Amino acid sequence: MRKIKVVHFTNHIGFGGTEKTIYTFLKYLDRDKFDVSVAATSVDKEIGREAAIRALGVDVRVTSPKYLAKFLADLQPDIFHIHREGGPEPGPITQAKQAGVPIVIEHNVFGRFDKSPENEMIDCHIFVSYSCGWRYQMWAGHPLVGAKYQVLYNPVEVREYAKHGFEKRDFTRKSIGRIGRPDDTKWEFDFLEAIPLIVERFPDLEFHIIGVTPYVEEKLTKMGVWKNVWLHPLTTDEREIMKFYGKISVLTHFASMGETFGLVLAEGMSARLPIVTHHTPGITDSAHMELVNDAYNGFIARNAGIYADAVIYLLDHPEAARKMGENGFDKAVASYEAYGITKGLEKIYALALREKGAV
């Protein structure tokens, strides 16, 4: 039986959730059925995931935009799977079609709508959350029906987290944490004002951070809470990330841009942590409120005072924190487990090929 050739494409392979998603899909795709490779126009050699992807035995081709079509024409893949924001990114989709690739699948990470002619070249749009699909539908102005539109959560290796003993976590530890890329848009500074309120209640609080920025450092210093901050370096080493999750009792999240999925939230749930996040209005990114069910596996706060109260409650009530953490783990197993999500992606591939008459 001939293997189906799939090329995953992203403009840049760095540290973020898109690259982690590509890596996890590639790890779990059935190699007896699929021949997979990755193409990108640039990579971050220092903290990117290129090495991890190559370690899976997957070829990574770094190519300039003008040579992408030649690479695809030489490889002759069945599916070009592009991971992008969703808005116009002229070039890659056109080049895939010019190279004769029969199927183009878009992983629409931000739920944006492409008004350019390239949008009509896409055979299937995958949205990483229902909130992204809803927002795309509002911009498209029509219901998203049929095989062309799919919602597929990002894959998380939930069962790998189960090997790290998080069910024995000491929730009496007054320790909270935040993890994400070092970008000010991944912080919400109105909700950062909750930290001094939490420190006032727990003077020995530990606030563990991966992904601090100079502006955040300045803000925390002015708040007088720098002595409570524990900084950790950016890393793609899963062992270090597991150690980070093991040090905290509550995962805190507040991002001004919201989340289109919220990989760190799903990972926190996998680590059996209760999560405190924030409300985002309108059609802003709001998938974090899709992952966190208020008072079930965490809390959704509407201002800094309520945010602080939620964190303080969880630190004051370790058994309630443990129960919410277990609820989150159960939801992660049912909704985000990598093996099942990847099987869903394989079904999307098969359906797209049948719709196109390519199998």
Protein backbone atom coordinates (compact mmCIF):
# COMPACT_ATOMS: atom_id res chain seq x y z
CA MET A 1 0.00 0.00 0.00
CA ARG A 2 1.40 3.39 -1.03
CA LYS A 3 1.95 5.81 1.82
CA ILE A 4 0.18 9.18 1.76
CA LYS A 5 2.77 11.96 1.56
CA VAL A 6 2.08 14.93 3.84
CA VAL A 7 4.11 18.14 4.13
CA HIS A 8 3.49 20.30 7.20
CA PHE A 9 4.40 23.91 6.48
CA THR A 10 4.87 26.87 8.81
CA ASN A 11 6.68 30.12 8.15
CA HIS A 12 8.84 29.82 11.26
CA ILE A 13 9.82 26.99 13.58
CA GLY A 14 10.34 28.52 17.00
CA PHE A 15 9.19 27.94 20.56
CA GLY A 16 5.43 28.45 20.31
CA GLY A 17 2.31 26.35 20.41
CA THR A 18 2.09 25.91 16.62
CA GLU A 19 5.49 24.23 16.52
CA LYS A 20 4.62 22.07 19.53
CA THR A 21 1.40 21.02 17.81
CA ILE A 22 3.24 20.08 14.60
CA TYR A 23 5.77 18.08 16.64
CA THR A 24 3.05 16.17 18.50
CA PHE A 25 1.06 15.38 15.36
CA LEU A 26 4.20 14.06 13.68
CA LYS A 27 5.02 11.93 16.70
CA TYR A 28 1.63 10.18 16.65
CA LEU A 29 0.77 10.00 12.93
CA ASP A 30 0.71 6.41 11.70
CA ARG A 31 4.01 6.08 9.79
CA ASP A 32 2.78 2.90 8.14
CA LYS A 33 0.18 5.03 6.35
CA PHE A 34 1.82 8.46 6.15
CA ASP A 35 5.17 9.69 4.85
CA VAL A 36 5.64 13.05 6.63
CA SER A 37 8.02 15.98 6.30
CA VAL A 38 8.17 19.61 7.37
CA ALA A 39 8.96 22.76 5.40
CA ALA A 40 9.59 26.22 6.85
CA THR A 41 11.08 29.48 5.67
CA SER A 42 13.04 30.07 8.90
CA VAL A 43 13.95 28.35 12.17
CA ASP A 44 15.09 29.45 15.61
CA LYS A 45 18.19 27.36 16.21
CA GLU A 46 18.50 28.39 19.86
CA ILE A 47 15.06 27.55 21.32
CA GLY A 48 13.12 26.24 18.33
CA ARG A 49 11.70 22.74 17.94
CA GLU A 50 13.56 21.84 14.73
CA ALA A 51 15.91 19.44 16.52
CA ALA A 52 13.03 17.71 18.31
CA ILE A 53 11.18 17.25 15.00
CA ARG A 54 14.28 15.85 13.31
CA ALA A 55 14.73 13.46 16.24
CA LEU A 56 11.40 11.89 15.23
CA GLY A 57 13.02 10.87 11.96
CA VAL A 58 11.20 13.61 10.06
CA ASP A 59 12.96 15.61 7.35
CA VAL A 60 12.86 19.37 7.93
CA ARG A 61 13.43 21.48 4.83
CA VAL A 62 14.27 25.15 5.40
CA THR A 63 13.60 26.85 2.10
CA SER A 64 13.08 30.37 0.85
CA PRO A 65 9.57 31.14 -0.42
CA LYS A 66 10.63 31.17 -4.07
CA TYR A 67 12.07 27.61 -3.83
CA LEU A 68 9.10 26.10 -1.99
CA ALA A 69 7.29 25.22 -5.24
CA LYS A 70 10.33 23.36 -6.56
CA PHE A 71 10.69 21.41 -3.31
CA LEU A 72 7.01 20.40 -3.48
CA ALA A 73 7.18 19.55 -7.18
CA ASP A 74 10.17 17.27 -6.53
CA LEU A 75 8.55 15.62 -3.50
CA GLN A 76 5.04 15.36 -5.02
CA PRO A 77 3.09 15.22 -1.74
CA ASP A 78 -0.59 14.30 -1.59
CA ILE A 79 -1.35 16.88 1.11
CA PHE A 80 0.11 20.31 1.85
CA HIS A 81 -0.85 21.09 5.46
CA ILE A 82 -0.20 24.75 6.20
CA HIS A 83 -0.26 26.09 9.77
CA ARG A 84 -0.95 29.83 9.76
CA GLU A 85 -2.88 32.65 11.43
CA GLY A 86 -5.69 32.35 8.90
CA GLY A 87 -5.31 35.77 7.29
CA PRO A 88 -3.63 36.32 3.92
CA GLU A 89 -0.08 34.99 3.69
CA PRO A 90 0.49 35.15 -0.09
CA GLY A 91 2.70 32.54 -1.63
CA PRO A 92 2.77 29.09 0.00
CA ILE A 93 -0.75 27.97 -0.97
CA THR A 94 -0.36 29.19 -4.56
CA GLN A 95 3.02 27.50 -4.80
CA ALA A 96 1.56 24.22 -3.51
CA LYS A 97 -1.12 24.31 -6.18
CA GLN A 98 1.40 25.26 -8.86
CA ALA A 99 3.47 22.26 -7.78
CA GLY A 100 0.48 20.02 -8.40
CA VAL A 101 -0.35 19.16 -4.79
CA PRO A 102 -3.95 17.89 -4.91
CA ILE A 103 -4.99 18.73 -1.32
CA VAL A 104 -4.32 21.89 0.69
CA ILE A 105 -5.35 21.82 4.32
CA GLU A 106 -5.20 24.93 6.47
CA HIS A 107 -4.68 24.75 10.22
CA ASN A 108 -6.29 28.10 11.02
CA VAL A 109 -4.65 28.97 14.32
CA PHE A 110 -6.30 32.35 14.97
CA GLY A 111 -9.67 31.90 13.27
CA ARG A 112 -8.99 34.72 10.82
CA PHE A 113 -10.61 35.00 7.40
CA ASP A 114 -8.58 35.20 4.19
CA LYS A 115 -10.33 37.34 1.58
CA SER A 116 -7.68 36.68 -1.06
CA PRO A 117 -8.10 34.23 -3.98
CA GLU A 118 -5.91 31.74 -2.10
CA ASN A 119 -8.79 31.05 0.27
CA GLU A 120 -10.63 29.26 -2.54
CA MET A 121 -7.64 26.97 -3.05
CA ILE A 122 -8.01 25.51 0.44
CA ASP A 123 -9.76 22.13 0.56
CA CYS A 124 -10.25 22.00 4.33
CA HIS A 125 -10.04 24.53 7.14
CA ILE A 126 -9.19 23.15 10.59
CA PHE A 127 -9.94 25.39 13.58
CA VAL A 128 -8.17 24.74 16.89
CA SER A 129 -11.23 25.60 18.99
CA TYR A 130 -14.95 26.19 18.61
CA SER A 131 -14.47 29.86 19.45
CA CYS A 132 -12.09 30.18 16.48
CA GLY A 133 -14.61 28.48 14.22
CA TRP A 134 -17.39 30.76 15.48
CA ARG A 135 -15.32 33.89 14.83
CA TYR A 136 -14.39 32.71 11.33
CA GLN A 137 -18.07 32.08 10.63
CA MET A 138 -18.94 35.63 11.67
CA TRP A 139 -16.38 37.05 9.24
CA ALA A 140 -17.27 34.60 6.47
CA GLY A 141 -20.96 35.46 6.80
CA HIS A 142 -22.24 31.92 6.32
CA PRO A 143 -22.60 28.71 8.37
CA LEU A 144 -19.61 26.40 8.39
CA VAL A 145 -21.11 23.15 7.14
CA GLY A 146 -19.66 20.17 5.31
CA ALA A 147 -16.31 18.43 5.24
CA LYS A 148 -14.51 21.66 4.34
CA TYR A 149 -14.71 22.97 7.93
CA GLN A 150 -13.46 21.02 10.94
CA VAL A 151 -12.74 21.76 14.62
CA LEU A 152 -9.84 19.79 16.06
CA TYR A 153 -8.27 20.70 19.39
CA ASN A 154 -4.49 20.74 19.60
CA PRO A 155 -2.94 17.44 20.71
CA VAL A 156 -1.45 17.11 24.19
CA GLU A 157 0.42 14.09 25.51
CA VAL A 158 -1.85 13.88 28.54
CA ARG A 159 -0.94 10.32 29.45
CA GLU A 160 2.75 11.25 29.52
CA TYR A 161 1.91 13.71 32.30
CA ALA A 162 0.32 10.85 34.24
CA LYS A 163 3.78 9.30 34.60
CA HIS A 164 5.10 12.16 36.72
CA GLY A 165 3.17 11.63 39.95
CA PHE A 166 1.20 14.87 39.83
CA GLU A 167 -1.68 13.12 41.61
CA LYS A 168 0.52 13.26 44.74
CA ARG A 169 1.04 17.03 44.48
CA ASP A 170 1.27 18.96 47.75
CA PHE A 171 -1.45 21.59 47.36
CA THR A 172 -0.55 23.22 50.67
CA ARG A 173 2.44 24.79 48.93
CA LYS A 174 1.84 28.52 48.40
CA SER A 175 3.16 28.57 44.89
CA ILE A 176 1.68 29.74 41.59
CA GLY A 177 3.07 29.78 38.07
CA ARG A 178 2.81 31.24 34.59
CA ILE A 179 4.33 29.80 31.42
CA GLY A 180 4.38 31.18 27.87
CA ARG A 181 6.58 32.81 25.30
CA PRO A 182 8.29 36.08 26.35
CA ASP A 183 5.87 38.46 24.67
CA ASP A 184 4.04 41.35 26.34
CA THR A 185 0.85 40.42 24.48
CA LYS A 186 0.89 37.13 26.42
CA TRP A 187 0.40 39.15 29.61
CA GLU A 188 -2.63 41.17 30.72
CA PHE A 189 -1.33 43.97 32.89
CA ASP A 190 -4.68 44.83 34.50
CA PHE A 191 -4.80 41.29 35.88
CA LEU A 192 -1.10 41.36 36.83
CA GLU A 193 -2.29 43.79 39.51
CA ALA A 194 -3.68 40.72 41.32
CA ILE A 195 -0.17 39.56 42.26
CA PRO A 196 0.44 42.16 45.03
CA LEU A 197 -2.97 41.30 46.50
CA ILE A 198 -2.02 37.62 46.62
CA VAL A 199 1.39 38.43 48.14
CA GLU A 200 -0.33 40.55 50.78
CA ARG A 201 -2.25 37.44 51.87
CA PHE A 202 0.74 35.10 51.46
CA PRO A 203 4.01 37.05 52.01
CA ASP A 204 6.09 33.96 51.24
CA LEU A 205 4.28 33.24 47.95
CA GLU A 206 6.39 31.80 45.14
CA PHE A 207 5.50 33.09 41.66
CA HIS A 208 7.27 30.86 39.12
CA ILE A 209 7.56 32.28 35.59
CA ILE A 210 8.71 30.95 32.23
CA GLY A 211 8.62 33.70 29.62
CA VAL A 212 9.23 36.95 31.49
CA THR A 213 9.81 40.15 29.51
CA PRO A 214 11.77 43.29 30.51
CA TYR A 215 8.54 45.25 30.88
CA VAL A 216 7.05 42.57 33.13
CA GLU A 217 10.21 42.58 35.24
CA GLU A 218 9.88 46.34 35.59
CA LYS A 219 6.20 46.07 36.59
CA LEU A 220 6.85 43.36 39.19
CA THR A 221 9.70 45.39 40.67
CA LYS A 222 7.51 48.50 40.97
CA MET A 223 4.81 46.37 42.63
CA GLY A 224 7.31 45.33 45.28
CA VAL A 225 6.88 41.62 44.63
CA TRP A 226 10.16 40.85 42.90
CA LYS A 227 11.34 38.93 45.98
CA ASN A 228 8.49 36.48 45.34
CA VAL A 229 9.43 35.83 41.71
CA TRP A 230 11.22 32.66 40.61
CA LEU A 231 12.41 32.89 37.00
CA HIS A 232 12.93 29.83 34.80
CA PRO A 233 14.58 29.82 31.35
CA LEU A 234 12.70 29.15 28.16
CA THR A 235 13.00 25.49 27.28
CA THR A 236 11.62 22.80 25.01
CA ASP A 237 12.97 20.13 27.37
CA GLU A 238 9.89 18.27 28.58
CA ARG A 239 11.69 17.20 31.75
CA GLU A 240 12.24 20.81 32.77
CA ILE A 241 8.66 21.71 31.95
CA MET A 242 7.41 18.83 34.11
CA LYS A 243 9.61 20.09 36.97
CA PHE A 244 8.08 23.54 36.54
CA TYR A 245 4.52 22.19 36.76
CA GLY A 246 5.55 20.15 39.79
CA LYS A 247 6.64 23.26 41.72
CA ILE A 248 3.27 25.04 41.69
CA SER A 249 -0.23 24.60 43.13
CA VAL A 250 -2.14 26.90 40.76
CA LEU A 251 -1.55 27.77 37.11
CA THR A 252 -2.22 31.44 36.51
CA HIS A 253 -3.09 32.76 33.08
CA PHE A 254 -3.79 36.26 31.80
CA ALA A 255 -3.01 37.26 28.21
CA SER A 256 -4.22 40.50 26.66
CA MET A 257 -4.60 38.75 23.30
CA GLY A 258 -6.52 35.85 24.86
CA GLU A 259 -6.05 32.34 23.48
CA THR A 260 -7.16 30.69 20.26
CA PHE A 261 -6.62 27.35 22.00
CA GLY A 262 -4.33 27.71 25.01
CA LEU A 263 -1.83 24.87 24.89
CA VAL A 264 -0.33 25.76 28.25
CA LEU A 265 -3.79 25.55 29.80
CA ALA A 266 -4.36 22.06 28.41
CA GLU A 267 -0.89 21.09 29.65
CA GLY A 268 -1.65 22.53 33.08
CA MET A 269 -4.85 20.49 33.17
CA SER A 270 -2.81 17.43 32.19
CA ALA A 271 -0.57 18.18 35.18
CA ARG A 272 -3.67 18.16 37.42
CA LEU A 273 -3.46 21.88 38.18
CA PRO A 274 -6.44 24.15 38.81
CA ILE A 275 -6.31 27.18 36.51
CA VAL A 276 -7.26 30.79 37.09
CA THR A 277 -7.80 32.76 33.89
CA HIS A 278 -9.64 35.90 32.85
CA HIS A 279 -12.72 36.88 30.89
CA THR A 280 -12.28 38.32 27.40
CA PRO A 281 -15.18 40.15 25.74
CA GLY A 282 -16.58 40.26 22.22
CA ILE A 283 -14.90 38.40 19.37
CA THR A 284 -11.42 38.51 20.88
CA ASP A 285 -9.54 35.24 21.33
CA SER A 286 -11.49 33.40 24.01
CA ALA A 287 -10.70 29.69 23.81
CA HIS A 288 -9.20 29.85 27.31
CA MET A 289 -12.79 30.18 28.54
CA GLU A 290 -13.59 27.08 26.48
CA LEU A 291 -10.89 25.08 28.24
CA VAL A 292 -11.54 26.39 31.75
CA ASN A 293 -15.02 25.73 33.09
CA ASP A 294 -15.69 28.22 35.88
CA ALA A 295 -15.69 26.55 39.32
CA TYR A 296 -15.11 23.11 37.73
CA ASN A 297 -11.42 22.99 36.77
CA GLY A 298 -10.58 26.56 37.72
CA PHE A 299 -11.98 30.07 37.78
CA ILE A 300 -12.63 32.79 35.19
CA ALA A 301 -12.17 36.27 36.69
CA ARG A 302 -13.47 39.61 35.42
CA ASN A 303 -11.11 41.94 37.29
CA ALA A 304 -7.89 41.85 39.29
CA GLY A 305 -9.66 41.74 42.65
CA ILE A 306 -11.77 38.71 41.69
CA TYR A 307 -8.67 37.12 40.14
CA ALA A 308 -6.74 37.51 43.40
CA ASP A 309 -9.68 36.13 45.40
CA ALA A 310 -9.80 33.05 43.15
CA VAL A 311 -6.09 32.31 43.57
CA ILE A 312 -6.25 32.95 47.32
CA TYR A 313 -9.23 30.60 47.64
CA LEU A 314 -7.36 27.78 45.89
CA LEU A 315 -4.22 28.32 47.99
CA ASP A 316 -6.36 28.43 51.14
CA HIS A 317 -8.38 25.31 50.22
CA PRO A 318 -5.95 22.60 49.03
CA GLU A 319 -8.63 19.90 48.76
CA ALA A 320 -10.77 22.10 46.52
CA ALA A 321 -7.66 22.82 44.42
CA ARG A 322 -6.94 19.10 44.18
CA LYS A 323 -10.52 18.34 43.09
CA MET A 324 -10.43 21.02 40.39
CA GLY A 325 -7.06 19.70 39.24
CA GLU A 326 -8.48 16.19 38.90
CA ASN A 327 -11.50 17.57 37.01
CA GLY A 328 -9.13 19.29 34.62
CA PHE A 329 -7.12 16.11 34.09
CA ASP A 330 -10.28 14.15 33.28
CA LYS A 331 -11.31 16.80 30.77
CA ALA A 332 -7.84 16.80 29.18
CA VAL A 333 -7.90 13.01 28.75
CA ALA A 334 -11.32 13.18 27.09
CA SER A 335 -10.69 16.24 24.93
CA TYR A 336 -6.99 16.72 24.08
CA GLU A 337 -5.15 13.38 24.34
CA ALA A 338 -2.60 13.30 21.50
CA TYR A 339 -3.33 9.82 20.19
CA GLY A 340 -7.06 10.41 19.78
CA ILE A 341 -6.63 13.92 18.35
CA THR A 342 -4.11 12.62 15.81
CA LYS A 343 -6.50 9.86 14.77
CA GLY A 344 -8.99 12.66 14.15
CA LEU A 345 -6.45 14.40 11.91
CA GLU A 346 -5.89 11.17 9.98
CA LYS A 347 -9.66 10.95 9.38
CA ILE A 348 -9.67 14.53 8.11
CA TYR A 349 -6.88 13.66 5.68
CA ALA A 350 -8.77 10.58 4.46
CA LEU A 351 -12.01 12.53 4.05
CA ALA A 352 -10.29 15.33 2.10
CA LEU A 353 -8.67 12.82 -0.23
CA ARG A 354 -11.99 11.04 -0.85
CA GLU A 355 -13.78 14.33 -1.48
CA LYS A 356 -11.11 15.19 -4.05
CA GLY A 357 -11.16 11.73 -5.60
CA ALA A 358 -7.46 11.44 -4.84
CA VAL A 359 -7.68 7.94 -3.34
